[in-house]
Amino acid sequence: MKIRKPTAPSIVLFLLCLMYFLTYIDRVNVATAASGFKDDFHLSKTQLGWVFSGFGWTYLLFQVMGGWLGDRLGPRKTLFICGSIWALATALTGLATGLVSLMIFRLALGFGEGATFPTATRVMRSWTPVGRRGFAQGVTHSFARLGNAVTPPIVAALMIWLTWRGAFVILGVASMVWVAVWWLYFRDDPRDHAGITAADLARLPPPSAPKTAARTVPWRRLIVRIFPVTLTYFCYGWSLWLIINWLPQFFADGYKLDLKKSALYSSGVFFAGVVGDALGGILSDYLLHKTGRVAFSRLAVILPGMLGAAGCLIPVLFLRDLVPLTLCLSGGFFFLELVIGPIWSVPMDIAPQYSGTASGLMNTGSALAAIVSPIVFGKIVDVTGDWHLPFYGSVALLLIGAVLAFTMHPERKFVDEPPVVPPVAIAIEN
């Protein structure tokens, strides 16, 4: 049996999967490593929450700018520059000397990673067939959750071998390898790639307008149009960042588990998200193919995802036995991650000509949640000593998000305003 050679679009998608995998390892490694540096630096839960949220401040600020850069400079240059920054920031975290330097390196990490997902969406606009966008978003984000899942045991093993400082250095070097491969292999326009075939090009969307003819982004109108998507994504992001930042400490401090056991339980929850990510994108694409209805294919997955996550997290408020509680957390994370594939397809559905900028606007919702959610969690635990209480906010926001999802309207295309012809030009023409 002849083995088929991977196509250039497949390899590009795989490189994006690796990027999502590495970026999530580098943004959540701090959650497991905290068991080492929080004692070295004598950090409270509230201070630890600030360290977790440090990434989110610059991640938020660079979302829209990063998406715009991806549209203007092209994904190849944008991801090379940003990847170099996030890889270096990860390695330098191993040199931290206290709360201030930890915050500085986390801010640098957020700056480097801010453009990654919006720019990846820009890549998918050119390198993925329209009917495969939900799958592409789902599978890339499933690799992100795989990064979540393997980070606790990987970081725990590196900490035992090299201490928490060495763990950051090794992970930073791994990210830099990806940056080099991306620069050597990828091209912004599929037609410029040496490995592309005519059959590949026939399946891909028409090429975007050349940069010299690029439109000016209609910022006000685009922000207003994407704002409902941003709000919905904030409601999703609140629970995401609460879980991925605090879960290892939830098991380690809340249930007095050692480093290995807390890593094992955390990984079990995160692996449920890997399945949810891939399944959500596949289901959304399947429904789109069967019905041709964009809004239905997105909402039919997003709504059960948010409602199912809320339903699974409600028992977490009351359960104290470790095994049933972990099962409920796993179920909640599975349903939560069903949302990713379809909701990241929405900016491409609405404004494909500004897909990088539009997805950056959407992702500001999650980035804002990345700032607020970890701080609120840490403060509540410091004040009350109750590790379960912060999940009330997650349940409430997931229910609100399910309602807000109806306001996104991915079936309504964003149309550029027609150019205004000056009266003088009209007079001359006549």
Protein backbone atom coordinates (compact mmCIF):
# COMPACT_ATOMS: atom_id res chain seq x y z
CA MET A 1 0.00 0.00 0.00
CA LYS A 2 1.42 3.35 -1.07
CA ILE A 3 1.79 5.96 1.66
CA ARG A 4 0.51 9.34 0.56
CA LYS A 5 2.87 12.26 1.00
CA PRO A 6 1.45 14.98 3.27
CA THR A 7 0.20 17.98 1.35
CA ALA A 8 1.56 21.46 1.98
CA PRO A 9 -1.76 22.63 3.55
CA SER A 10 -1.66 19.62 5.89
CA ILE A 11 1.89 20.42 6.98
CA VAL A 12 0.97 24.07 7.55
CA LEU A 13 -1.98 22.98 9.70
CA PHE A 14 0.33 20.64 11.64
CA LEU A 15 2.78 23.50 12.25
CA LEU A 16 -0.11 25.58 13.59
CA CYS A 17 -1.09 22.66 15.84
CA LEU A 18 2.47 22.56 17.21
CA MET A 19 2.36 26.32 17.78
CA TYR A 20 -0.88 26.07 19.76
CA PHE A 21 0.63 23.17 21.71
CA LEU A 22 3.80 25.08 22.61
CA THR A 23 2.11 28.42 23.34
CA TYR A 24 -0.19 26.77 25.84
CA ILE A 25 2.64 24.89 27.49
CA ASP A 26 4.49 28.19 27.85
CA ARG A 27 1.50 30.09 29.22
CA VAL A 28 0.33 27.45 31.72
CA ASN A 29 3.69 26.02 32.84
CA VAL A 30 3.68 28.63 35.59
CA ALA A 31 0.66 26.92 37.20
CA THR A 32 2.67 23.76 37.99
CA ALA A 33 5.99 25.53 38.56
CA ALA A 34 4.25 27.72 41.17
CA SER A 35 4.61 24.90 43.69
CA GLY A 36 8.36 25.61 43.53
CA PHE A 37 8.70 29.39 43.20
CA LYS A 38 5.80 30.44 45.49
CA ASP A 39 7.72 29.07 48.47
CA ASP A 40 11.05 30.46 47.24
CA PHE A 41 9.53 33.94 46.90
CA HIS A 42 7.00 33.65 49.78
CA LEU A 43 3.96 34.50 47.64
CA SER A 44 0.38 34.61 48.91
CA LYS A 45 -2.54 33.23 46.86
CA THR A 46 -3.44 36.77 45.80
CA GLN A 47 0.13 37.47 44.66
CA LEU A 48 0.15 34.16 42.83
CA GLY A 49 -3.05 35.24 41.11
CA TRP A 50 -1.26 38.38 39.92
CA VAL A 51 1.57 36.27 38.49
CA PHE A 52 -0.97 34.12 36.63
CA SER A 53 -2.75 37.22 35.31
CA GLY A 54 0.45 39.03 34.25
CA PHE A 55 0.36 37.20 30.94
CA GLY A 56 -3.15 38.49 30.29
CA TRP A 57 -2.37 42.22 30.50
CA THR A 58 -0.12 42.38 27.43
CA TYR A 59 -1.98 39.51 25.78
CA LEU A 60 -5.08 41.72 25.88
CA LEU A 61 -3.30 44.84 24.63
CA PHE A 62 -1.69 43.02 21.70
CA GLN A 63 -4.77 41.09 20.51
CA VAL A 64 -6.13 43.65 18.09
CA MET A 65 -2.73 45.04 17.14
CA GLY A 66 -1.44 41.51 16.63
CA GLY A 67 -4.38 40.57 14.44
CA TRP A 68 -3.88 43.75 12.43
CA LEU A 69 -0.15 42.98 12.03
CA GLY A 70 -1.01 39.49 10.84
CA ASP A 71 -3.25 41.02 8.17
CA ARG A 72 -0.72 43.71 7.15
CA LEU A 73 2.75 42.16 7.58
CA GLY A 74 1.65 38.64 6.80
CA PRO A 75 1.64 35.58 9.09
CA ARG A 76 5.20 34.49 8.25
CA LYS A 77 6.91 37.62 9.59
CA THR A 78 4.39 38.18 12.39
CA LEU A 79 4.71 34.71 13.90
CA PHE A 80 8.50 34.71 13.49
CA ILE A 81 8.83 37.97 15.46
CA CYS A 82 6.22 37.12 18.07
CA GLY A 83 7.44 33.54 18.43
CA SER A 84 10.96 34.74 19.13
CA ILE A 85 9.64 37.03 21.87
CA TRP A 86 7.50 34.39 23.58
CA ALA A 87 10.29 31.76 23.42
CA LEU A 88 12.82 34.15 24.94
CA ALA A 89 10.37 35.26 27.64
CA THR A 90 9.74 31.63 28.62
CA ALA A 91 13.45 30.87 28.95
CA LEU A 92 14.11 34.08 30.92
CA THR A 93 11.41 33.19 33.46
CA GLY A 94 13.91 30.70 34.83
CA LEU A 95 16.07 33.68 35.88
CA ALA A 96 13.34 35.36 37.95
CA THR A 97 14.36 36.63 41.39
CA GLY A 98 10.97 37.55 42.85
CA LEU A 99 7.46 38.80 42.21
CA VAL A 100 8.51 41.80 40.11
CA SER A 101 10.75 39.90 37.70
CA LEU A 102 8.17 37.10 37.41
CA MET A 103 5.61 39.71 36.40
CA ILE A 104 7.97 41.28 33.85
CA PHE A 105 8.67 37.96 32.13
CA ARG A 106 4.97 37.03 32.15
CA LEU A 107 4.14 40.41 30.61
CA ALA A 108 6.73 39.74 27.90
CA LEU A 109 5.20 36.32 27.27
CA GLY A 110 1.75 37.85 26.80
CA PHE A 111 3.20 40.41 24.41
CA GLY A 112 4.81 37.66 22.33
CA GLU A 113 1.77 35.38 22.30
CA GLY A 114 -0.81 38.12 21.75
CA ALA A 115 -0.71 37.92 17.96
CA THR A 116 -0.43 34.14 17.65
CA PHE A 117 -4.05 32.98 17.53
CA PRO A 118 -5.45 35.90 15.48
CA THR A 119 -2.57 35.45 13.02
CA ALA A 120 -3.16 31.70 12.92
CA THR A 121 -6.75 32.47 11.96
CA ARG A 122 -5.36 34.61 9.13
CA VAL A 123 -3.29 31.60 8.01
CA MET A 124 -6.40 29.40 7.99
CA ARG A 125 -8.20 31.98 5.85
CA SER A 126 -5.67 31.33 3.06
CA TRP A 127 -4.62 27.72 3.70
CA THR A 128 -7.89 25.99 4.73
CA PRO A 129 -10.97 25.21 2.58
CA VAL A 130 -14.09 27.05 3.77
CA GLY A 131 -15.86 23.86 4.80
CA ARG A 132 -12.92 22.79 6.97
CA ARG A 133 -12.53 25.91 9.09
CA GLY A 134 -14.37 24.55 12.10
CA PHE A 135 -12.21 21.41 11.97
CA ALA A 136 -9.01 23.49 11.63
CA GLN A 137 -9.94 25.66 14.61
CA GLY A 138 -11.01 22.63 16.62
CA VAL A 139 -7.91 20.53 15.96
CA THR A 140 -5.46 23.39 16.59
CA HIS A 141 -7.17 24.22 19.87
CA SER A 142 -7.23 20.54 20.78
CA PHE A 143 -3.44 20.66 20.54
CA ALA A 144 -3.59 23.67 22.86
CA ARG A 145 -5.53 21.58 25.37
CA LEU A 146 -3.10 18.72 24.81
CA GLY A 147 -0.47 21.24 25.86
CA ASN A 148 -2.55 21.89 28.96
CA ALA A 149 -2.81 18.19 29.65
CA VAL A 150 0.86 17.28 29.30
CA THR A 151 2.27 20.41 30.94
CA PRO A 152 1.75 19.35 34.58
CA PRO A 153 3.65 16.02 34.27
CA ILE A 154 6.29 17.51 31.93
CA VAL A 155 6.98 20.48 34.20
CA ALA A 156 6.88 18.27 37.29
CA ALA A 157 9.47 15.92 35.74
CA LEU A 158 11.68 18.84 34.63
CA MET A 159 11.42 20.37 38.11
CA ILE A 160 12.57 17.12 39.70
CA TRP A 161 15.43 16.90 37.19
CA LEU A 162 16.47 20.54 36.73
CA THR A 163 14.44 22.56 39.31
CA TRP A 164 11.69 24.96 38.24
CA ARG A 165 14.26 27.32 36.74
CA GLY A 166 15.66 24.73 34.35
CA ALA A 167 12.13 23.73 33.31
CA PHE A 168 11.47 27.21 31.90
CA VAL A 169 14.77 27.27 30.01
CA ILE A 170 14.15 23.90 28.31
CA LEU A 171 10.61 24.90 27.29
CA GLY A 172 11.84 28.21 25.87
CA VAL A 173 14.42 26.44 23.70
CA ALA A 174 11.74 24.06 22.37
CA SER A 175 9.63 27.04 21.29
CA MET A 176 12.58 28.63 19.51
CA VAL A 177 13.01 25.47 17.42
CA TRP A 178 9.42 25.84 16.22
CA VAL A 179 10.06 29.50 15.29
CA ALA A 180 12.98 28.50 13.06
CA VAL A 181 10.99 25.75 11.30
CA TRP A 182 8.07 28.12 10.70
CA TRP A 183 10.29 30.73 9.04
CA LEU A 184 11.94 28.17 6.79
CA TYR A 185 8.78 26.36 5.66
CA PHE A 186 5.80 28.72 5.59
CA ARG A 187 4.79 31.22 2.89
CA ASP A 188 1.96 33.75 3.22
CA ASP A 189 0.53 33.02 -0.22
CA PRO A 190 0.02 29.29 -0.92
CA ARG A 191 0.90 29.96 -4.57
CA ASP A 192 4.44 30.92 -3.50
CA HIS A 193 5.06 27.62 -1.69
CA ALA A 194 7.34 25.13 -3.46
CA GLY A 195 5.29 22.15 -2.26
CA ILE A 196 1.83 23.35 -3.32
CA THR A 197 -0.01 21.54 -6.12
CA ALA A 198 -2.75 22.59 -8.51
CA ALA A 199 -5.15 20.22 -6.71
CA ASP A 200 -4.32 21.91 -3.38
CA LEU A 201 -4.94 25.38 -4.82
CA ALA A 202 -8.28 24.30 -6.30
CA ARG A 203 -9.53 23.40 -2.82
CA LEU A 204 -8.31 26.59 -1.14
CA PRO A 205 -10.17 29.93 -1.04
CA PRO A 206 -9.34 32.59 -3.65
CA PRO A 207 -6.22 34.59 -2.75
CA SER A 208 -6.64 37.78 -0.74
CA ALA A 209 -6.08 41.17 -2.29
CA PRO A 210 -2.39 42.08 -2.56
CA LYS A 211 -0.97 44.23 0.20
CA THR A 212 -0.70 47.27 -2.07
CA ALA A 213 -4.45 47.13 -2.55
CA ALA A 214 -5.28 46.33 1.07
CA ARG A 215 -8.25 48.18 2.47
CA THR A 216 -8.11 50.40 5.52
CA VAL A 217 -9.79 48.57 8.39
CA PRO A 218 -13.16 50.18 9.22
CA TRP A 219 -12.40 49.98 12.91
CA ARG A 220 -15.56 51.48 14.40
CA ARG A 221 -17.95 49.37 12.35
CA LEU A 222 -15.90 46.20 12.79
CA ILE A 223 -15.62 46.65 16.57
CA VAL A 224 -19.40 47.14 16.86
CA ARG A 225 -20.04 44.09 14.68
CA ILE A 226 -17.67 41.77 16.58
CA PHE A 227 -18.52 43.08 20.08
CA PRO A 228 -21.26 40.47 20.77
CA VAL A 229 -18.75 37.74 19.87
CA THR A 230 -16.22 39.35 22.23
CA LEU A 231 -18.71 39.35 25.12
CA THR A 232 -19.65 35.73 24.49
CA TYR A 233 -15.99 34.74 24.38
CA PHE A 234 -15.32 36.57 27.66
CA CYS A 235 -17.93 34.37 29.35
CA TYR A 236 -16.16 31.30 27.98
CA GLY A 237 -12.69 32.62 28.82
CA TRP A 238 -13.50 33.23 32.49
CA SER A 239 -13.83 29.52 33.21
CA LEU A 240 -10.98 28.59 30.85
CA TRP A 241 -8.41 30.76 32.63
CA LEU A 242 -9.70 29.87 36.08
CA ILE A 243 -9.24 26.17 35.36
CA ILE A 244 -5.93 26.19 33.47
CA ASN A 245 -4.24 28.59 35.90
CA TRP A 246 -5.48 27.31 39.23
CA LEU A 247 -6.23 23.62 38.79
CA PRO A 248 -2.77 22.29 39.80
CA GLN A 249 -2.86 24.47 42.94
CA PHE A 250 -6.49 23.49 43.53
CA PHE A 251 -5.39 19.87 43.87
CA ALA A 252 -2.03 20.57 45.54
CA ASP A 253 -3.18 23.05 48.20
CA GLY A 254 -6.93 22.42 48.33
CA TYR A 255 -6.55 18.63 48.60
CA LYS A 256 -2.97 18.42 49.92
CA LEU A 257 -1.68 16.31 47.02
CA ASP A 258 2.03 16.11 46.25
CA LEU A 259 3.49 17.45 42.99
CA LYS A 260 3.15 14.16 41.07
CA LYS A 261 -0.46 13.47 42.11
CA SER A 262 -1.67 17.03 41.52
CA ALA A 263 -0.07 16.88 38.06
CA LEU A 264 -1.82 13.58 37.35
CA TYR A 265 -5.29 14.81 38.38
CA SER A 266 -4.82 18.09 36.48
CA SER A 267 -3.80 16.21 33.34
CA GLY A 268 -6.91 14.05 33.55
CA VAL A 269 -9.13 17.13 33.48
CA PHE A 270 -7.17 18.77 30.66
CA PHE A 271 -7.28 15.64 28.47
CA ALA A 272 -11.07 15.90 28.49
CA GLY A 273 -10.62 19.31 26.88
CA VAL A 274 -8.50 17.80 24.09
CA VAL A 275 -11.46 15.64 23.05
CA GLY A 276 -13.90 18.53 23.38
CA ASP A 277 -11.84 20.82 21.16
CA ALA A 278 -11.53 18.37 18.28
CA LEU A 279 -15.15 17.17 18.53
CA GLY A 280 -16.62 20.68 18.62
CA GLY A 281 -14.95 21.70 15.37
CA ILE A 282 -15.84 18.44 13.62
CA LEU A 283 -19.50 18.66 14.69
CA SER A 284 -19.81 22.28 13.58
CA ASP A 285 -18.36 21.54 10.14
CA TYR A 286 -20.57 18.46 9.78
CA LEU A 287 -23.70 20.49 10.53
CA LEU A 288 -22.60 23.21 8.12
CA HIS A 289 -22.06 20.63 5.39
CA LYS A 290 -25.44 18.98 6.02
CA THR A 291 -27.58 22.11 6.42
CA GLY A 292 -25.65 24.95 4.80
CA ARG A 293 -26.82 27.14 7.72
CA VAL A 294 -23.88 28.95 9.29
CA ALA A 295 -25.67 30.25 12.39
CA PHE A 296 -27.23 26.88 13.16
CA SER A 297 -23.97 24.96 12.71
CA ARG A 298 -22.15 27.26 15.15
CA LEU A 299 -24.87 27.71 17.79
CA ALA A 300 -25.87 24.03 17.79
CA VAL A 301 -22.43 23.29 19.29
CA ILE A 302 -21.73 26.47 21.30
CA LEU A 303 -24.98 26.37 23.29
CA PRO A 304 -24.72 22.73 24.48
CA GLY A 305 -21.07 23.42 25.25
CA MET A 306 -21.75 26.34 27.57
CA LEU A 307 -24.85 24.85 29.17
CA GLY A 308 -23.18 21.46 29.62
CA ALA A 309 -20.13 23.08 31.23
CA ALA A 310 -22.36 25.01 33.65
CA GLY A 311 -24.26 21.84 34.50
CA CYS A 312 -21.07 19.90 35.26
CA LEU A 313 -19.55 22.68 37.36
CA ILE A 314 -22.59 23.10 39.63
CA PRO A 315 -21.77 19.90 41.61
CA VAL A 316 -18.19 21.20 42.09
CA LEU A 317 -19.67 23.83 44.40
CA PHE A 318 -20.82 21.14 46.82
CA LEU A 319 -18.67 18.03 46.25
CA ARG A 320 -15.64 17.41 48.46
CA ASP A 321 -14.71 13.83 47.52
CA LEU A 322 -11.76 13.95 45.12
CA VAL A 323 -12.83 11.36 42.51
CA PRO A 324 -16.40 12.55 41.77
CA LEU A 325 -15.22 16.15 41.90
CA THR A 326 -12.49 15.42 39.34
CA LEU A 327 -15.03 13.70 37.08
CA CYS A 328 -17.28 16.75 37.23
CA LEU A 329 -14.36 19.07 36.44
CA SER A 330 -13.42 16.83 33.50
CA GLY A 331 -16.98 16.89 32.19
CA GLY A 332 -17.12 20.65 32.61
CA PHE A 333 -13.89 21.16 30.72
CA PHE A 334 -15.01 18.79 27.94
CA PHE A 335 -18.22 20.75 27.35
CA LEU A 336 -16.43 24.07 27.69
CA GLU A 337 -13.99 23.12 24.94
CA LEU A 338 -16.74 22.14 22.52
CA VAL A 339 -17.16 25.91 22.12
CA ILE A 340 -13.70 26.61 20.71
CA GLY A 341 -13.92 25.29 17.13
CA PRO A 342 -17.21 26.95 16.19
CA ILE A 343 -16.62 30.26 17.99
CA TRP A 344 -13.17 30.77 16.41
CA SER A 345 -14.81 30.17 13.04
CA VAL A 346 -17.27 33.02 13.65
CA PRO A 347 -14.81 35.88 12.87
CA MET A 348 -13.99 34.18 9.56
CA ASP A 349 -17.72 33.71 8.90
CA ILE A 350 -18.46 37.36 9.59
CA ALA A 351 -15.45 39.22 8.16
CA PRO A 352 -13.14 36.93 6.14
CA GLN A 353 -11.41 39.96 4.59
CA TYR A 354 -10.36 41.08 8.10
CA SER A 355 -10.11 37.64 9.70
CA GLY A 356 -6.95 38.39 11.70
CA THR A 357 -8.24 41.70 13.05
CA ALA A 358 -11.73 40.33 13.72
CA SER A 359 -10.43 37.30 15.64
CA GLY A 360 -8.12 39.61 17.60
CA LEU A 361 -11.13 41.70 18.59
CA MET A 362 -12.97 38.56 19.66
CA ASN A 363 -10.01 37.24 21.64
CA THR A 364 -9.80 40.45 23.70
CA GLY A 365 -12.73 38.96 25.60
CA SER A 366 -10.72 35.91 26.64
CA ALA A 367 -7.64 38.05 27.27
CA LEU A 368 -9.60 40.28 29.66
CA ALA A 369 -10.83 37.16 31.44
CA ALA A 370 -7.19 36.00 31.66
CA ILE A 371 -6.44 39.13 33.69
CA VAL A 372 -9.42 39.22 36.03
CA SER A 373 -10.30 35.56 36.60
CA PRO A 374 -6.99 34.38 38.21
CA ILE A 375 -6.83 37.43 40.52
CA VAL A 376 -10.43 37.01 41.68
CA PHE A 377 -9.87 33.30 42.32
CA GLY A 378 -6.74 33.93 44.39
CA LYS A 379 -8.35 36.73 46.39
CA ILE A 380 -11.45 34.65 47.20
CA VAL A 381 -9.31 31.73 48.38
CA ASP A 382 -7.08 34.02 50.48
CA VAL A 383 -10.10 35.66 52.15
CA THR A 384 -12.37 32.63 52.60
CA GLY A 385 -10.04 29.62 52.44
CA ASP A 386 -12.67 27.95 50.22
CA TRP A 387 -11.27 26.58 46.94
CA HIS A 388 -14.74 25.81 45.56
CA LEU A 389 -16.40 29.21 46.00
CA PRO A 390 -14.93 30.86 42.85
CA PHE A 391 -16.80 28.37 40.64
CA TYR A 392 -20.06 30.23 41.35
CA GLY A 393 -18.83 32.95 38.99
CA SER A 394 -18.03 30.39 36.31
CA VAL A 395 -21.51 28.89 36.36
CA ALA A 396 -23.17 32.31 36.19
CA LEU A 397 -21.02 33.55 33.31
CA LEU A 398 -21.48 30.36 31.29
CA LEU A 399 -25.26 30.78 31.51
CA ILE A 400 -24.94 34.43 30.45
CA GLY A 401 -22.66 33.39 27.59
CA ALA A 402 -25.26 30.91 26.32
CA VAL A 403 -27.76 33.77 26.05
CA LEU A 404 -25.25 36.15 24.45
CA ALA A 405 -24.39 33.57 21.78
CA PHE A 406 -27.69 34.39 20.06
CA THR A 407 -26.44 37.95 19.42
CA MET A 408 -23.37 36.94 17.36
CA HIS A 409 -25.16 36.25 14.02
CA PRO A 410 -22.33 34.60 12.04
CA GLU A 411 -24.68 34.36 9.04
CA ARG A 412 -24.60 38.17 8.61
CA LYS A 413 -21.56 39.10 6.54
CA PHE A 414 -19.60 42.24 7.34
CA VAL A 415 -19.65 44.35 4.17
CA ASP A 416 -17.23 47.18 3.45
CA GLU A 417 -18.88 50.55 3.02
CA PRO A 418 -18.86 51.67 -0.63
CA PRO A 419 -16.30 54.41 -1.32
CA VAL A 420 -17.67 57.94 -1.18
CA VAL A 421 -17.24 59.70 -4.52
CA PRO A 422 -16.43 63.42 -4.10
CA PRO A 423 -19.02 65.77 -5.65
CA VAL A 424 -16.28 67.35 -7.84
CA ALA A 425 -15.53 63.94 -9.39
CA ILE A 426 -19.23 63.41 -10.15
CA ALA A 427 -19.44 66.84 -11.84
CA ILE A 428 -16.39 66.14 -14.01
CA GLU A 429 -17.80 62.74 -14.99
CA ASN A 430 -21.05 64.33 -16.12
